[in-house]
Amino acid sequence: MPDWGVIPALRVTDMAGSLAFYQETLGFKLEHGGPAEEHCSLSFGDARLMLEVAGSFYTPAYNEAIRKRLGTKSATALYVQAADLAGLQRRASEAGVHIIDPLADRPWGQAEFTVEDPEGNWLTFWHPLGDHTH
């Protein structure tokens, strides 16, 4: 297994709902955990992502700090490389996902679009221009 330099951890209030969103709507693969777990690991191609609820997974002080931050807005967006951007955006749109920024070619050399998950986290799906059709 490769070493991962950074694996984002998104804190969520509803693990089952979040897993359904990431797996069924966006196509992430569950690597570890499940709807009743406090911690789950997901993958999307080479990308890795963790979902966590504030339960008893960490120390009481850390769990309380997580609870205080849940639901607060963040300016962070996670960038996830994907091949079929048009298909992924269409699937997300049909599922009622909030599209923050629709699919477009960007002047920095990539096509991308951004969605918001049920917890308010932003994910930008992208690929280099010329690599795939969209």
Protein backbone atom coordinates (compact mmCIF):
# COMPACT_ATOMS: atom_id res chain seq x y z
CA MET A 1 0.00 0.00 0.00
CA PRO A 2 1.37 3.43 -0.88
CA ASP A 3 2.13 6.05 1.71
CA TRP A 4 -0.42 8.88 1.63
CA GLY A 5 0.94 12.34 2.30
CA VAL A 6 -2.42 13.91 3.12
CA ILE A 7 -5.80 12.29 3.65
CA PRO A 8 -8.55 14.85 4.31
CA ALA A 9 -10.95 14.07 7.16
CA LEU A 10 -14.42 15.56 6.86
CA ARG A 11 -16.47 15.69 10.05
CA VAL A 12 -20.13 14.89 9.45
CA THR A 13 -23.28 14.76 11.57
CA ASP A 14 -24.94 11.89 9.67
CA MET A 15 -22.59 9.05 8.70
CA ALA A 16 -25.22 6.96 6.91
CA GLY A 17 -26.43 9.93 4.86
CA SER A 18 -22.91 11.07 4.08
CA LEU A 19 -21.86 7.58 2.98
CA ALA A 20 -24.90 7.36 0.72
CA PHE A 21 -24.02 10.72 -0.83
CA TYR A 22 -20.35 9.91 -1.40
CA GLN A 23 -20.90 6.33 -2.58
CA GLU A 24 -24.19 6.42 -4.47
CA THR A 25 -24.20 9.99 -5.80
CA LEU A 26 -20.50 10.67 -6.40
CA GLY A 27 -19.16 7.13 -6.89
CA PHE A 28 -16.65 6.90 -4.02
CA LYS A 29 -15.69 3.38 -2.86
CA LEU A 30 -15.94 2.44 0.82
CA GLU A 31 -12.57 1.10 1.99
CA HIS A 32 -13.25 0.80 5.74
CA GLY A 33 -16.19 1.37 8.09
CA GLY A 34 -19.89 1.59 7.45
CA PRO A 35 -23.09 3.56 8.18
CA ALA A 36 -23.04 2.76 11.92
CA GLU A 37 -19.30 3.50 12.34
CA GLU A 38 -17.76 6.71 13.69
CA HIS A 39 -14.92 6.62 11.15
CA CYS A 40 -14.98 5.58 7.47
CA SER A 41 -12.36 5.60 4.73
CA LEU A 42 -13.32 6.17 1.11
CA SER A 43 -11.47 6.25 -2.20
CA PHE A 44 -12.09 7.76 -5.61
CA GLY A 45 -9.39 6.60 -8.00
CA ASP A 46 -6.13 7.59 -6.31
CA ALA A 47 -7.85 10.03 -3.93
CA ARG A 48 -8.52 9.11 -0.30
CA LEU A 49 -11.02 10.70 2.07
CA MET A 50 -12.12 10.00 5.63
CA LEU A 51 -15.55 10.73 7.10
CA GLU A 52 -15.89 11.01 10.86
CA VAL A 53 -18.64 11.73 13.35
CA ALA A 54 -17.95 13.16 16.79
CA GLY A 55 -18.61 10.21 19.06
CA SER A 56 -16.08 8.40 21.18
CA PHE A 57 -13.45 7.86 18.49
CA TYR A 58 -11.07 10.50 19.88
CA THR A 59 -10.43 11.91 23.34
CA PRO A 60 -13.42 13.61 24.99
CA ALA A 61 -11.84 17.06 24.54
CA TYR A 62 -11.13 16.49 20.83
CA ASN A 63 -14.61 15.07 20.21
CA GLU A 64 -16.13 18.15 21.87
CA ALA A 65 -13.97 20.46 19.73
CA ILE A 66 -15.21 18.62 16.62
CA ARG A 67 -18.84 19.02 17.75
CA LYS A 68 -18.32 22.77 18.14
CA ARG A 69 -17.00 23.07 14.58
CA LEU A 70 -19.68 20.94 12.92
CA GLY A 71 -21.93 23.00 10.71
CA THR A 72 -19.52 25.94 10.48
CA LYS A 73 -18.58 27.21 7.04
CA SER A 74 -15.18 26.47 5.57
CA ALA A 75 -13.44 28.06 2.61
CA THR A 76 -11.67 24.78 1.85
CA ALA A 77 -12.44 22.80 -1.30
CA LEU A 78 -11.08 19.32 -1.96
CA TYR A 79 -9.83 18.70 -5.52
CA VAL A 80 -10.51 15.20 -6.86
CA GLN A 81 -9.31 14.12 -10.30
CA ALA A 82 -12.00 12.34 -12.34
CA ALA A 83 -12.27 11.14 -15.95
CA ASP A 84 -15.94 11.58 -16.90
CA LEU A 85 -16.68 15.06 -15.60
CA ALA A 86 -19.83 15.58 -17.67
CA GLY A 87 -21.31 12.25 -16.53
CA LEU A 88 -20.42 12.90 -12.91
CA GLN A 89 -21.90 16.40 -12.97
CA ARG A 90 -25.07 15.09 -14.68
CA ARG A 91 -25.46 12.34 -12.05
CA ALA A 92 -24.93 14.87 -9.24
CA SER A 93 -27.40 17.32 -10.77
CA GLU A 94 -30.05 14.62 -11.26
CA ALA A 95 -29.62 13.68 -7.59
CA GLY A 96 -30.30 17.28 -6.55
CA VAL A 97 -26.74 18.05 -5.47
CA HIS A 98 -25.94 21.75 -5.14
CA ILE A 99 -23.58 22.58 -8.02
CA ILE A 100 -21.51 25.53 -6.79
CA ASP A 101 -19.65 26.06 -10.08
CA PRO A 102 -20.68 24.21 -13.26
CA LEU A 103 -18.31 22.35 -15.54
CA ALA A 104 -16.07 24.62 -17.60
CA ASP A 105 -12.58 24.78 -19.07
CA ARG A 106 -10.36 26.93 -16.89
CA PRO A 107 -7.52 29.18 -18.07
CA TRP A 108 -5.07 27.30 -15.83
CA GLY A 109 -5.38 24.21 -18.05
CA GLN A 110 -8.06 22.03 -16.53
CA ALA A 111 -11.77 21.33 -16.79
CA GLU A 112 -13.61 21.29 -13.46
CA PHE A 113 -16.84 21.70 -11.56
CA THR A 114 -17.59 22.09 -7.84
CA VAL A 115 -20.35 20.52 -5.73
CA GLU A 116 -21.41 20.91 -2.11
CA ASP A 117 -22.00 17.83 0.05
CA PRO A 118 -24.88 17.65 2.57
CA GLU A 119 -22.58 18.98 5.34
CA GLY A 120 -21.53 22.06 3.33
CA ASN A 121 -18.11 20.74 2.20
CA TRP A 122 -17.02 21.62 -1.34
CA LEU A 123 -15.48 19.12 -3.75
CA THR A 124 -14.04 20.18 -7.09
CA PHE A 125 -13.81 17.40 -9.67
CA TRP A 126 -11.26 18.11 -12.39
CA HIS A 127 -8.98 16.76 -15.08
CA PRO A 128 -6.27 18.32 -17.27
CA LEU A 129 -7.54 19.77 -20.53
CA GLY A 130 -6.95 17.46 -23.48
CA ASP A 131 -6.83 14.27 -21.34
CA HIS A 132 -10.53 13.35 -21.49
CA THR A 133 -13.72 14.47 -23.12
CA HIS A 134 -16.32 16.38 -21.16
